[in-house]
Amino acid sequence: MYGVLLIIATVIIIALSIAVYQKSTNAICISRRRLEGKTVIVTGGTAGMGLHIATDLAHRGARVIIACPYEDEGTNARKRIIQETKNQNVVFKLLDLASLKSVRQFAADILKTEDRLDILLNNAGVGVPGDFLTTDGMNFIMQVNYYGTFLLTLLLLPLLKKTGKPGESSRIITTASVIHMVGMVDINNLNRTNYWNKTRIYGNSKICLVLFANELTKRLKNSHVVINNVDPGAVGTRIFDSVNTVYGTILRVACLLFFKTPWQGAQTALHAALDKKAGEVSGAYFKNCVISSAVKRAYCDKTAKALWEESVRLVKLTEDEVEQCFKSLS
């Protein structure tokens, strides 16, 4: 009996020690930058980390456009942000990253109604809800986490290019994950179902985002637009609900206790969006509000180029459209 109690006590002490260390090393965005006159888009800005990001930016005076595929969630989030920040310049728009049509409609609406775009925060994503194809013929997890974001970013580039200027580049931030380290970029099999386990599909989607940022950085050379990745860490959000009710709840609570709350998880994205020096680099991988490194294979130029070409094909962008994406709006 004494031995069992000793083991339990040891486990509790180790767990508490891990929690104290992790919580004490979680970085906070310290930028005091104001954003009056600036426009930002936060995909997935209606819940979890995205809601905290959007709320922070609204506090700073920005025009904040939050996007998600759920009308009720979006409407409620907008009301909550306005109530908390007293910033009336908060807009909700429908966006379903699992639909190429929805992405195109959203982007067309933004280009038509907005005269500037200073920050695009590609925060939206899913966990591991299922291994199936969308109506566009793409793996659901891959389309929401990567292909939809790829298309959206390119379609909004003209407005980002119009807005960026010397000394104050427009910023694109994509939400990566430490799970990108298990991701593989097998071009011929990225969209297959019943081929990868779901965690690997999630990892594949996240390493694709890193490769995309690196490739886009090269294509944006000498422009006033930067793109960087952020790794929020292990954050207790609803993304774990996709595992299953029991394990998802356990994982979410464990992350909240030992690693990061959604507010803490939002801090690196805010740093990348606001910090002056963060706006002077592109293709960087931020973790805990400092530049870190992704897994080595995420920096392979050959893989990045091949992924780019395949992504353009899958999201059905024509050569003329790609060319237009890199032209600034007048």
C-alpha atoms as a PDB file:
ATOM      1  CA  MET A   1       0.000   0.000   0.000  1.00  0.00           C
ATOM      2  CA  TYR A   2       2.814   2.371   0.935  1.00  0.00           C
ATOM      3  CA  GLY A   3       4.512   1.628  -2.385  1.00  0.00           C
ATOM      4  CA  VAL A   4       1.367   2.459  -4.362  1.00  0.00           C
ATOM      5  CA  LEU A   5       0.918   5.741  -2.484  1.00  0.00           C
ATOM      6  CA  LEU A   6       4.564   6.611  -3.133  1.00  0.00           C
ATOM      7  CA  ILE A   7       4.129   6.000  -6.872  1.00  0.00           C
ATOM      8  CA  ILE A   8       0.958   8.129  -6.966  1.00  0.00           C
ATOM      9  CA  ALA A   9       2.679  10.931  -5.038  1.00  0.00           C
ATOM     10  CA  THR A  10       5.669  10.792  -7.390  1.00  0.00           C
ATOM     11  CA  VAL A  11       3.432  10.974 -10.467  1.00  0.00           C
ATOM     12  CA  ILE A  12       1.545  13.960  -9.000  1.00  0.00           C
ATOM     13  CA  ILE A  13       4.797  15.783  -8.172  1.00  0.00           C
ATOM     14  CA  ILE A  14       6.184  15.166 -11.672  1.00  0.00           C
ATOM     15  CA  ALA A  15       2.921  16.315 -13.274  1.00  0.00           C
ATOM     16  CA  LEU A  16       2.837  19.473 -11.161  1.00  0.00           C
ATOM     17  CA  SER A  17       6.478  20.182 -11.959  1.00  0.00           C
ATOM     18  CA  ILE A  18       5.783  19.865 -15.697  1.00  0.00           C
ATOM     19  CA  ALA A  19       2.755  22.140 -15.373  1.00  0.00           C
ATOM     20  CA  VAL A  20       4.705  24.798 -13.444  1.00  0.00           C
ATOM     21  CA  TYR A  21       7.577  24.704 -15.953  1.00  0.00           C
ATOM     22  CA  GLN A  22       5.307  24.861 -18.996  1.00  0.00           C
ATOM     23  CA  LYS A  23       3.126  27.633 -17.599  1.00  0.00           C
ATOM     24  CA  SER A  24       6.151  29.688 -16.543  1.00  0.00           C
ATOM     25  CA  THR A  25       7.749  29.474 -20.006  1.00  0.00           C
ATOM     26  CA  ASN A  26       4.640  30.414 -21.997  1.00  0.00           C
ATOM     27  CA  ALA A  27       5.491  33.668 -23.774  1.00  0.00           C
ATOM     28  CA  ILE A  28       3.166  36.665 -23.974  1.00  0.00           C
ATOM     29  CA  CYS A  29       2.884  39.193 -26.792  1.00  0.00           C
ATOM     30  CA  ILE A  30       4.127  42.488 -25.334  1.00  0.00           C
ATOM     31  CA  SER A  31       3.453  44.728 -28.334  1.00  0.00           C
ATOM     32  CA  ARG A  32       1.422  47.859 -27.566  1.00  0.00           C
ATOM     33  CA  ARG A  33       0.829  48.630 -31.227  1.00  0.00           C
ATOM     34  CA  ARG A  34      -2.469  50.288 -32.078  1.00  0.00           C
ATOM     35  CA  LEU A  35      -4.357  49.374 -35.257  1.00  0.00           C
ATOM     36  CA  GLU A  36      -6.730  52.233 -35.976  1.00  0.00           C
ATOM     37  CA  GLY A  37      -7.256  52.458 -39.727  1.00  0.00           C
ATOM     38  CA  LYS A  38      -6.031  48.880 -40.261  1.00  0.00           C
ATOM     39  CA  THR A  39      -8.084  45.924 -41.478  1.00  0.00           C
ATOM     40  CA  VAL A  40      -7.491  42.341 -40.374  1.00  0.00           C
ATOM     41  CA  ILE A  41      -9.096  39.017 -41.234  1.00  0.00           C
ATOM     42  CA  VAL A  42      -9.109  36.166 -38.717  1.00  0.00           C
ATOM     43  CA  THR A  43     -10.334  32.855 -40.113  1.00  0.00           C
ATOM     44  CA  GLY A  44     -11.756  30.746 -37.326  1.00  0.00           C
ATOM     45  CA  GLY A  45     -12.022  33.992 -35.371  1.00  0.00           C
ATOM     46  CA  THR A  46     -15.260  32.923 -33.725  1.00  0.00           C
ATOM     47  CA  ALA A  47     -13.991  30.382 -31.171  1.00  0.00           C
ATOM     48  CA  GLY A  48     -10.907  29.181 -29.321  1.00  0.00           C
ATOM     49  CA  MET A  49      -7.621  30.908 -30.087  1.00  0.00           C
ATOM     50  CA  GLY A  50      -9.115  32.734 -33.034  1.00  0.00           C
ATOM     51  CA  LEU A  51     -11.688  34.462 -30.847  1.00  0.00           C
ATOM     52  CA  HIS A  52      -8.955  35.654 -28.490  1.00  0.00           C
ATOM     53  CA  ILE A  53      -6.859  36.883 -31.420  1.00  0.00           C
ATOM     54  CA  ALA A  54      -9.790  38.750 -32.946  1.00  0.00           C
ATOM     55  CA  THR A  55     -10.747  40.277 -29.599  1.00  0.00           C
ATOM     56  CA  ASP A  56      -7.210  41.498 -28.948  1.00  0.00           C
ATOM     57  CA  LEU A  57      -6.986  43.110 -32.396  1.00  0.00           C
ATOM     58  CA  ALA A  58     -10.399  44.746 -31.916  1.00  0.00           C
ATOM     59  CA  HIS A  59      -9.169  46.157 -28.588  1.00  0.00           C
ATOM     60  CA  ARG A  60      -6.359  47.806 -30.595  1.00  0.00           C
ATOM     61  CA  GLY A  61      -8.829  49.601 -32.826  1.00  0.00           C
ATOM     62  CA  ALA A  62      -8.625  47.487 -35.987  1.00  0.00           C
ATOM     63  CA  ARG A  63     -11.450  46.739 -38.368  1.00  0.00           C
ATOM     64  CA  VAL A  64     -11.770  43.016 -37.650  1.00  0.00           C
ATOM     65  CA  ILE A  65     -13.368  40.552 -40.055  1.00  0.00           C
ATOM     66  CA  ILE A  66     -14.016  37.177 -38.469  1.00  0.00           C
ATOM     67  CA  ALA A  67     -14.886  34.185 -40.628  1.00  0.00           C
ATOM     68  CA  CYS A  68     -16.265  30.686 -40.049  1.00  0.00           C
ATOM     69  CA  PRO A  69     -18.857  28.371 -41.663  1.00  0.00           C
ATOM     70  CA  TYR A  70     -21.443  28.677 -38.849  1.00  0.00           C
ATOM     71  CA  GLU A  71     -23.909  31.578 -38.863  1.00  0.00           C
ATOM     72  CA  ASP A  72     -24.922  31.356 -35.182  1.00  0.00           C
ATOM     73  CA  GLU A  73     -21.355  30.995 -33.927  1.00  0.00           C
ATOM     74  CA  GLY A  74     -20.199  33.907 -36.052  1.00  0.00           C
ATOM     75  CA  THR A  75     -23.052  36.204 -35.046  1.00  0.00           C
ATOM     76  CA  ASN A  76     -22.564  35.443 -31.354  1.00  0.00           C
ATOM     77  CA  ALA A  77     -18.803  35.925 -31.580  1.00  0.00           C
ATOM     78  CA  ARG A  78     -19.238  39.310 -33.252  1.00  0.00           C
ATOM     79  CA  LYS A  79     -21.609  40.451 -30.502  1.00  0.00           C
ATOM     80  CA  ARG A  80     -19.218  39.218 -27.824  1.00  0.00           C
ATOM     81  CA  ILE A  81     -16.210  41.017 -29.337  1.00  0.00           C
ATOM     82  CA  ILE A  82     -18.134  44.282 -29.726  1.00  0.00           C
ATOM     83  CA  GLN A  83     -19.487  44.055 -26.187  1.00  0.00           C
ATOM     84  CA  GLU A  84     -16.032  43.429 -24.718  1.00  0.00           C
ATOM     85  CA  THR A  85     -14.019  45.903 -26.794  1.00  0.00           C
ATOM     86  CA  LYS A  86     -16.634  48.601 -27.572  1.00  0.00           C
ATOM     87  CA  ASN A  87     -15.286  48.456 -31.139  1.00  0.00           C
ATOM     88  CA  GLN A  88     -18.279  48.513 -33.473  1.00  0.00           C
ATOM     89  CA  ASN A  89     -16.090  47.871 -36.523  1.00  0.00           C
ATOM     90  CA  VAL A  90     -16.299  44.075 -36.278  1.00  0.00           C
ATOM     91  CA  VAL A  91     -17.766  42.075 -39.169  1.00  0.00           C
ATOM     92  CA  PHE A  92     -18.702  38.425 -39.509  1.00  0.00           C
ATOM     93  CA  LYS A  93     -18.624  36.715 -42.887  1.00  0.00           C
ATOM     94  CA  LEU A  94     -19.340  33.109 -43.795  1.00  0.00           C
ATOM     95  CA  LEU A  95     -16.354  31.080 -44.970  1.00  0.00           C
ATOM     96  CA  ASP A  96     -16.198  27.311 -45.421  1.00  0.00           C
ATOM     97  CA  LEU A  97     -12.632  26.268 -46.193  1.00  0.00           C
ATOM     98  CA  ALA A  98     -13.929  22.818 -47.186  1.00  0.00           C
ATOM     99  CA  SER A  99     -15.582  24.421 -50.226  1.00  0.00           C
ATOM    100  CA  LEU A 100     -13.608  26.020 -53.069  1.00  0.00           C
ATOM    101  CA  LYS A 101     -16.788  27.862 -54.064  1.00  0.00           C
ATOM    102  CA  SER A 102     -17.150  29.339 -50.587  1.00  0.00           C
ATOM    103  CA  VAL A 103     -13.499  30.431 -50.527  1.00  0.00           C
ATOM    104  CA  ARG A 104     -13.856  32.134 -53.901  1.00  0.00           C
ATOM    105  CA  GLN A 105     -17.091  33.867 -52.856  1.00  0.00           C
ATOM    106  CA  PHE A 106     -15.536  35.097 -49.618  1.00  0.00           C
ATOM    107  CA  ALA A 107     -12.409  36.396 -51.355  1.00  0.00           C
ATOM    108  CA  ALA A 108     -14.433  38.100 -54.104  1.00  0.00           C
ATOM    109  CA  ASP A 109     -16.574  39.800 -51.470  1.00  0.00           C
ATOM    110  CA  ILE A 110     -13.493  41.044 -49.591  1.00  0.00           C
ATOM    111  CA  LEU A 111     -11.882  42.400 -52.758  1.00  0.00           C
ATOM    112  CA  LYS A 112     -15.119  44.172 -53.635  1.00  0.00           C
ATOM    113  CA  THR A 113     -15.957  45.678 -50.242  1.00  0.00           C
ATOM    114  CA  GLU A 114     -12.603  46.329 -48.556  1.00  0.00           C
ATOM    115  CA  ASP A 115     -10.097  48.968 -49.608  1.00  0.00           C
ATOM    116  CA  ARG A 116      -7.198  47.487 -47.635  1.00  0.00           C
ATOM    117  CA  LEU A 117      -6.018  44.328 -45.867  1.00  0.00           C
ATOM    118  CA  ASP A 118      -3.155  44.719 -43.428  1.00  0.00           C
ATOM    119  CA  ILE A 119      -3.147  41.332 -41.713  1.00  0.00           C
ATOM    120  CA  LEU A 120      -4.506  37.944 -42.802  1.00  0.00           C
ATOM    121  CA  LEU A 121      -4.528  35.481 -39.932  1.00  0.00           C
ATOM    122  CA  ASN A 122      -5.091  31.977 -41.311  1.00  0.00           C
ATOM    123  CA  ASN A 123      -6.102  30.521 -37.970  1.00  0.00           C
ATOM    124  CA  ALA A 124      -8.992  28.207 -38.941  1.00  0.00           C
ATOM    125  CA  GLY A 125      -8.445  24.475 -38.916  1.00  0.00           C
ATOM    126  CA  VAL A 126      -9.873  21.118 -37.877  1.00  0.00           C
ATOM    127  CA  GLY A 127      -8.453  18.247 -35.893  1.00  0.00           C
ATOM    128  CA  VAL A 128      -9.169  14.669 -36.926  1.00  0.00           C
ATOM    129  CA  PRO A 129     -12.943  14.504 -37.476  1.00  0.00           C
ATOM    130  CA  GLY A 130     -12.832  11.949 -40.278  1.00  0.00           C
ATOM    131  CA  ASP A 131     -11.027  10.547 -43.289  1.00  0.00           C
ATOM    132  CA  PHE A 132     -13.266  11.349 -46.244  1.00  0.00           C
ATOM    133  CA  LEU A 133     -13.391  13.375 -49.448  1.00  0.00           C
ATOM    134  CA  THR A 134     -15.156  16.717 -49.846  1.00  0.00           C
ATOM    135  CA  THR A 135     -17.399  17.541 -52.794  1.00  0.00           C
ATOM    136  CA  ASP A 136     -14.290  19.100 -54.371  1.00  0.00           C
ATOM    137  CA  GLY A 137     -12.612  15.683 -54.304  1.00  0.00           C
ATOM    138  CA  MET A 138     -10.048  16.525 -51.633  1.00  0.00           C
ATOM    139  CA  ASN A 139      -9.338  14.967 -48.261  1.00  0.00           C
ATOM    140  CA  PHE A 140     -11.450  16.938 -45.782  1.00  0.00           C
ATOM    141  CA  ILE A 141      -8.683  17.581 -43.238  1.00  0.00           C
ATOM    142  CA  MET A 142      -6.240  18.556 -45.976  1.00  0.00           C
ATOM    143  CA  GLN A 143      -8.711  20.907 -47.643  1.00  0.00           C
ATOM    144  CA  VAL A 144      -9.752  22.752 -44.492  1.00  0.00           C
ATOM    145  CA  ASN A 145      -6.265  23.009 -43.009  1.00  0.00           C
ATOM    146  CA  TYR A 146      -4.229  23.558 -46.159  1.00  0.00           C
ATOM    147  CA  TYR A 147      -5.815  23.733 -49.632  1.00  0.00           C
ATOM    148  CA  GLY A 148      -8.576  26.135 -48.598  1.00  0.00           C
ATOM    149  CA  THR A 149      -6.041  28.364 -46.865  1.00  0.00           C
ATOM    150  CA  PHE A 150      -3.741  28.164 -49.898  1.00  0.00           C
ATOM    151  CA  LEU A 151      -6.510  29.334 -52.245  1.00  0.00           C
ATOM    152  CA  LEU A 152      -7.784  32.029 -49.894  1.00  0.00           C
ATOM    153  CA  THR A 153      -4.319  33.492 -49.389  1.00  0.00           C
ATOM    154  CA  LEU A 154      -3.570  33.685 -53.104  1.00  0.00           C
ATOM    155  CA  LEU A 155      -6.936  35.238 -53.943  1.00  0.00           C
ATOM    156  CA  LEU A 156      -6.422  37.938 -51.303  1.00  0.00           C
ATOM    157  CA  LEU A 157      -2.829  38.698 -52.323  1.00  0.00           C
ATOM    158  CA  PRO A 158      -3.755  41.629 -54.623  1.00  0.00           C
ATOM    159  CA  LEU A 159      -5.340  43.500 -51.709  1.00  0.00           C
ATOM    160  CA  LEU A 160      -2.450  42.614 -49.385  1.00  0.00           C
ATOM    161  CA  LYS A 161       0.006  43.889 -52.005  1.00  0.00           C
ATOM    162  CA  LYS A 162      -1.973  47.098 -52.434  1.00  0.00           C
ATOM    163  CA  THR A 163      -1.893  47.720 -48.679  1.00  0.00           C
ATOM    164  CA  GLY A 164       1.745  46.898 -47.925  1.00  0.00           C
ATOM    165  CA  LYS A 165       4.301  49.677 -48.135  1.00  0.00           C
ATOM    166  CA  PRO A 166       8.017  50.203 -47.382  1.00  0.00           C
ATOM    167  CA  GLY A 167       8.631  49.808 -43.669  1.00  0.00           C
ATOM    168  CA  GLU A 168       5.161  48.425 -43.038  1.00  0.00           C
ATOM    169  CA  SER A 169       4.521  45.209 -44.923  1.00  0.00           C
ATOM    170  CA  SER A 170       1.171  43.495 -44.994  1.00  0.00           C
ATOM    171  CA  ARG A 171       1.336  40.274 -43.013  1.00  0.00           C
ATOM    172  CA  ILE A 172       0.054  36.747 -43.593  1.00  0.00           C
ATOM    173  CA  ILE A 173       0.200  34.413 -40.603  1.00  0.00           C
ATOM    174  CA  THR A 174      -0.561  30.699 -40.891  1.00  0.00           C
ATOM    175  CA  THR A 175      -1.179  28.483 -37.885  1.00  0.00           C
ATOM    176  CA  ALA A 176       1.103  25.483 -37.995  1.00  0.00           C
ATOM    177  CA  SER A 177       1.543  22.870 -35.265  1.00  0.00           C
ATOM    178  CA  VAL A 178       4.253  20.823 -33.591  1.00  0.00           C
ATOM    179  CA  ILE A 179       2.476  17.845 -35.213  1.00  0.00           C
ATOM    180  CA  HIS A 180       3.899  19.027 -38.556  1.00  0.00           C
ATOM    181  CA  MET A 181       6.978  17.044 -37.474  1.00  0.00           C
ATOM    182  CA  VAL A 182       5.183  13.777 -38.262  1.00  0.00           C
ATOM    183  CA  GLY A 183       3.838  15.098 -41.552  1.00  0.00           C
ATOM    184  CA  MET A 184       4.908  13.766 -44.927  1.00  0.00           C
ATOM    185  CA  VAL A 185       4.534  15.347 -48.357  1.00  0.00           C
ATOM    186  CA  ASP A 186       3.823  12.435 -50.659  1.00  0.00           C
ATOM    187  CA  ILE A 187       2.380  14.421 -53.566  1.00  0.00           C
ATOM    188  CA  ASN A 188       0.647  11.438 -55.164  1.00  0.00           C
ATOM    189  CA  ASN A 189      -1.081  10.327 -51.981  1.00  0.00           C
ATOM    190  CA  LEU A 190      -1.852  13.481 -49.992  1.00  0.00           C
ATOM    191  CA  ASN A 191      -5.554  13.300 -50.762  1.00  0.00           C
ATOM    192  CA  ARG A 192      -6.101   9.576 -50.452  1.00  0.00           C
ATOM    193  CA  THR A 193      -8.567   8.223 -47.921  1.00  0.00           C
ATOM    194  CA  ASN A 194      -7.982   5.050 -45.913  1.00  0.00           C
ATOM    195  CA  TYR A 195      -4.258   5.463 -46.522  1.00  0.00           C
ATOM    196  CA  TRP A 196      -2.886   7.617 -43.698  1.00  0.00           C
ATOM    197  CA  ASN A 197      -3.971   7.534 -40.067  1.00  0.00           C
ATOM    198  CA  LYS A 198      -5.852  10.699 -39.158  1.00  0.00           C
ATOM    199  CA  THR A 199      -3.092  12.148 -36.987  1.00  0.00           C
ATOM    200  CA  ARG A 200      -0.678  11.795 -39.903  1.00  0.00           C
ATOM    201  CA  ILE A 201      -3.168  13.554 -42.209  1.00  0.00           C
ATOM    202  CA  TYR A 202      -3.286  16.427 -39.711  1.00  0.00           C
ATOM    203  CA  GLY A 203       0.515  16.493 -39.637  1.00  0.00           C
ATOM    204  CA  ASN A 204       0.610  16.434 -43.441  1.00  0.00           C
ATOM    205  CA  SER A 205      -1.670  19.467 -43.604  1.00  0.00           C
ATOM    206  CA  LYS A 206       0.512  21.409 -41.190  1.00  0.00           C
ATOM    207  CA  ILE A 207       3.845  20.694 -42.867  1.00  0.00           C
ATOM    208  CA  CYS A 208       2.206  21.750 -46.146  1.00  0.00           C
ATOM    209  CA  LEU A 209       1.452  25.129 -44.588  1.00  0.00           C
ATOM    210  CA  VAL A 210       5.116  25.572 -43.665  1.00  0.00           C
ATOM    211  CA  LEU A 211       6.260  24.604 -47.159  1.00  0.00           C
ATOM    212  CA  PHE A 212       3.663  26.980 -48.625  1.00  0.00           C
ATOM    213  CA  ALA A 213       4.964  29.882 -46.550  1.00  0.00           C
ATOM    214  CA  ASN A 214       8.523  29.171 -47.677  1.00  0.00           C
ATOM    215  CA  GLU A 215       7.562  28.952 -51.349  1.00  0.00           C
ATOM    216  CA  LEU A 216       5.327  32.025 -51.231  1.00  0.00           C
ATOM    217  CA  THR A 217       8.123  33.982 -49.548  1.00  0.00           C
ATOM    218  CA  LYS A 218      10.288  33.409 -52.615  1.00  0.00           C
ATOM    219  CA  ARG A 219       7.506  34.423 -54.982  1.00  0.00           C
ATOM    220  CA  LEU A 220       6.842  37.589 -52.986  1.00  0.00           C
ATOM    221  CA  LYS A 221      10.473  38.709 -53.035  1.00  0.00           C
ATOM    222  CA  ASN A 222      10.826  42.498 -53.284  1.00  0.00           C
ATOM    223  CA  SER A 223       7.152  43.005 -52.443  1.00  0.00           C
ATOM    224  CA  HIS A 224       5.802  44.491 -49.230  1.00  0.00           C
ATOM    225  CA  VAL A 225       4.002  41.345 -48.078  1.00  0.00           C
ATOM    226  CA  VAL A 226       5.432  38.818 -45.628  1.00  0.00           C
ATOM    227  CA  ILE A 227       4.170  35.386 -44.617  1.00  0.00           C
ATOM    228  CA  ASN A 228       5.165  33.573 -41.442  1.00  0.00           C
ATOM    229  CA  ASN A 229       4.122  30.447 -39.545  1.00  0.00           C
ATOM    230  CA  VAL A 230       3.179  30.250 -35.883  1.00  0.00           C
ATOM    231  CA  ASP A 231       3.241  27.186 -33.652  1.00  0.00           C
ATOM    232  CA  PRO A 232       0.808  27.900 -30.790  1.00  0.00           C
ATOM    233  CA  GLY A 233       1.913  24.885 -28.741  1.00  0.00           C
ATOM    234  CA  ALA A 234      -0.393  22.396 -27.037  1.00  0.00           C
ATOM    235  CA  VAL A 235      -3.590  24.359 -26.472  1.00  0.00           C
ATOM    236  CA  GLY A 236      -6.769  23.208 -24.781  1.00  0.00           C
ATOM    237  CA  THR A 237      -9.406  23.984 -27.410  1.00  0.00           C
ATOM    238  CA  ARG A 238     -12.403  22.232 -28.948  1.00  0.00           C
ATOM    239  CA  ILE A 239     -10.193  20.845 -31.699  1.00  0.00           C
ATOM    240  CA  PHE A 240      -9.689  17.795 -29.475  1.00  0.00           C
ATOM    241  CA  ASP A 241     -13.427  17.070 -29.545  1.00  0.00           C
ATOM    242  CA  SER A 242     -12.917  15.485 -32.962  1.00  0.00           C
ATOM    243  CA  VAL A 243     -10.964  12.609 -31.383  1.00  0.00           C
ATOM    244  CA  ASN A 244     -13.999  11.419 -29.417  1.00  0.00           C
ATOM    245  CA  THR A 245     -15.935  12.737 -26.449  1.00  0.00           C
ATOM    246  CA  VAL A 246     -13.993  10.975 -23.696  1.00  0.00           C
ATOM    247  CA  TYR A 247     -10.413  11.149 -25.014  1.00  0.00           C
ATOM    248  CA  GLY A 248     -11.025  14.594 -26.459  1.00  0.00           C
ATOM    249  CA  THR A 249     -12.133  15.942 -23.103  1.00  0.00           C
ATOM    250  CA  ILE A 250      -9.145  14.354 -21.354  1.00  0.00           C
ATOM    251  CA  LEU A 251      -6.700  15.822 -23.872  1.00  0.00           C
ATOM    252  CA  ARG A 252      -8.299  19.254 -23.747  1.00  0.00           C
ATOM    253  CA  VAL A 253      -8.250  19.399 -19.951  1.00  0.00           C
ATOM    254  CA  ALA A 254      -4.674  18.087 -19.855  1.00  0.00           C
ATOM    255  CA  CYS A 255      -3.558  20.846 -22.226  1.00  0.00           C
ATOM    256  CA  LEU A 256      -5.376  23.473 -20.191  1.00  0.00           C
ATOM    257  CA  LEU A 257      -3.752  22.275 -16.985  1.00  0.00           C
ATOM    258  CA  PHE A 258      -0.251  21.495 -18.186  1.00  0.00           C
ATOM    259  CA  PHE A 259       0.324  23.561 -21.319  1.00  0.00           C
ATOM    260  CA  LYS A 260      -1.770  26.433 -22.704  1.00  0.00           C
ATOM    261  CA  THR A 261      -5.196  27.974 -22.505  1.00  0.00           C
ATOM    262  CA  PRO A 262      -6.652  29.413 -25.738  1.00  0.00           C
ATOM    263  CA  TRP A 263      -5.593  32.917 -24.615  1.00  0.00           C
ATOM    264  CA  GLN A 264      -2.025  31.724 -24.075  1.00  0.00           C
ATOM    265  CA  GLY A 265      -2.099  29.869 -27.389  1.00  0.00           C
ATOM    266  CA  ALA A 266      -3.083  33.080 -29.180  1.00  0.00           C
ATOM    267  CA  GLN A 267       0.000  34.995 -28.053  1.00  0.00           C
ATOM    268  CA  THR A 268       2.476  33.848 -30.716  1.00  0.00           C
ATOM    269  CA  ALA A 269       0.046  34.672 -33.525  1.00  0.00           C
ATOM    270  CA  LEU A 270      -0.440  38.125 -32.008  1.00  0.00           C
ATOM    271  CA  HIS A 271       3.325  38.570 -31.780  1.00  0.00           C
ATOM    272  CA  ALA A 272       3.752  37.662 -35.454  1.00  0.00           C
ATOM    273  CA  ALA A 273       0.936  40.041 -36.391  1.00  0.00           C
ATOM    274  CA  LEU A 274       2.066  43.002 -34.296  1.00  0.00           C
ATOM    275  CA  ASP A 275       5.767  42.937 -33.461  1.00  0.00           C
ATOM    276  CA  LYS A 276       7.850  45.338 -35.563  1.00  0.00           C
ATOM    277  CA  LYS A 277      10.719  42.911 -36.189  1.00  0.00           C
ATOM    278  CA  ALA A 278       8.279  40.092 -37.006  1.00  0.00           C
ATOM    279  CA  GLY A 279       7.071  42.236 -39.891  1.00  0.00           C
ATOM    280  CA  GLU A 280      10.566  42.402 -41.318  1.00  0.00           C
ATOM    281  CA  VAL A 281      11.019  38.647 -41.854  1.00  0.00           C
ATOM    282  CA  SER A 282       9.223  36.178 -44.103  1.00  0.00           C
ATOM    283  CA  GLY A 283       9.127  32.397 -44.139  1.00  0.00           C
ATOM    284  CA  ALA A 284       9.915  32.281 -40.417  1.00  0.00           C
ATOM    285  CA  TYR A 285       8.547  29.777 -37.926  1.00  0.00           C
ATOM    286  CA  PHE A 286       7.558  31.407 -34.630  1.00  0.00           C
ATOM    287  CA  LYS A 287       7.106  29.527 -31.382  1.00  0.00           C
ATOM    288  CA  ASN A 288       6.570  31.135 -27.973  1.00  0.00           C
ATOM    289  CA  CYS A 289       6.950  34.566 -29.588  1.00  0.00           C
ATOM    290  CA  VAL A 290      10.467  33.932 -30.936  1.00  0.00           C
ATOM    291  CA  ILE A 291      11.772  32.583 -34.229  1.00  0.00           C
ATOM    292  CA  SER A 292      12.296  28.843 -34.021  1.00  0.00           C
ATOM    293  CA  SER A 293      12.702  26.127 -36.653  1.00  0.00           C
ATOM    294  CA  ALA A 294      10.352  23.710 -38.323  1.00  0.00           C
ATOM    295  CA  VAL A 295      11.426  20.158 -39.122  1.00  0.00           C
ATOM    296  CA  LYS A 296      14.269  20.082 -41.655  1.00  0.00           C
ATOM    297  CA  ARG A 297      12.252  18.587 -44.529  1.00  0.00           C
ATOM    298  CA  ALA A 298       9.888  21.580 -44.388  1.00  0.00           C
ATOM    299  CA  TYR A 299      12.652  23.639 -46.018  1.00  0.00           C
ATOM    300  CA  CYS A 300      13.106  21.486 -49.123  1.00  0.00           C
ATOM    301  CA  ASP A 301      12.813  23.791 -52.163  1.00  0.00           C
ATOM    302  CA  LYS A 302      12.073  20.923 -54.531  1.00  0.00           C
ATOM    303  CA  THR A 303       9.222  19.631 -52.376  1.00  0.00           C
ATOM    304  CA  ALA A 304       7.809  23.125 -51.886  1.00  0.00           C
ATOM    305  CA  LYS A 305       7.753  23.776 -55.640  1.00  0.00           C
ATOM    306  CA  ALA A 306       6.102  20.440 -56.401  1.00  0.00           C
ATOM    307  CA  LEU A 307       3.518  21.030 -53.670  1.00  0.00           C
ATOM    308  CA  TRP A 308       2.799  24.497 -55.054  1.00  0.00           C
ATOM    309  CA  GLU A 309       2.155  23.172 -58.561  1.00  0.00           C
ATOM    310  CA  GLU A 310      -0.090  20.375 -57.293  1.00  0.00           C
ATOM    311  CA  SER A 311      -1.974  22.764 -55.021  1.00  0.00           C
ATOM    312  CA  VAL A 312      -2.630  25.185 -57.892  1.00  0.00           C
ATOM    313  CA  ARG A 313      -4.015  22.278 -59.919  1.00  0.00           C
ATOM    314  CA  LEU A 314      -6.239  20.938 -57.135  1.00  0.00           C
ATOM    315  CA  VAL A 315      -7.795  24.277 -56.224  1.00  0.00           C
ATOM    316  CA  LYS A 316      -8.432  24.848 -59.941  1.00  0.00           C
ATOM    317  CA  LEU A 317      -6.511  28.092 -60.377  1.00  0.00           C
ATOM    318  CA  THR A 318      -5.732  28.872 -64.009  1.00  0.00           C
ATOM    319  CA  GLU A 319      -2.388  30.303 -65.102  1.00  0.00           C
ATOM    320  CA  ASP A 320      -4.055  33.657 -65.744  1.00  0.00           C
ATOM    321  CA  GLU A 321      -5.597  33.643 -62.252  1.00  0.00           C
ATOM    322  CA  VAL A 322      -2.263  32.875 -60.606  1.00  0.00           C
ATOM    323  CA  GLU A 323      -0.699  35.739 -62.534  1.00  0.00           C
ATOM    324  CA  GLN A 324      -3.485  38.082 -61.399  1.00  0.00           C
ATOM    325  CA  CYS A 325      -2.965  37.002 -57.783  1.00  0.00           C
ATOM    326  CA  PHE A 326       0.498  38.532 -57.820  1.00  0.00           C
ATOM    327  CA  LYS A 327      -0.667  41.878 -59.187  1.00  0.00           C
ATOM    328  CA  SER A 328      -1.519  44.672 -56.806  1.00  0.00           C
ATOM    329  CA  LEU A 329      -4.989  46.168 -56.950  1.00  0.00           C
ATOM    330  CA  SER A 330      -4.931  49.718 -58.295  1.00  0.00           C
END
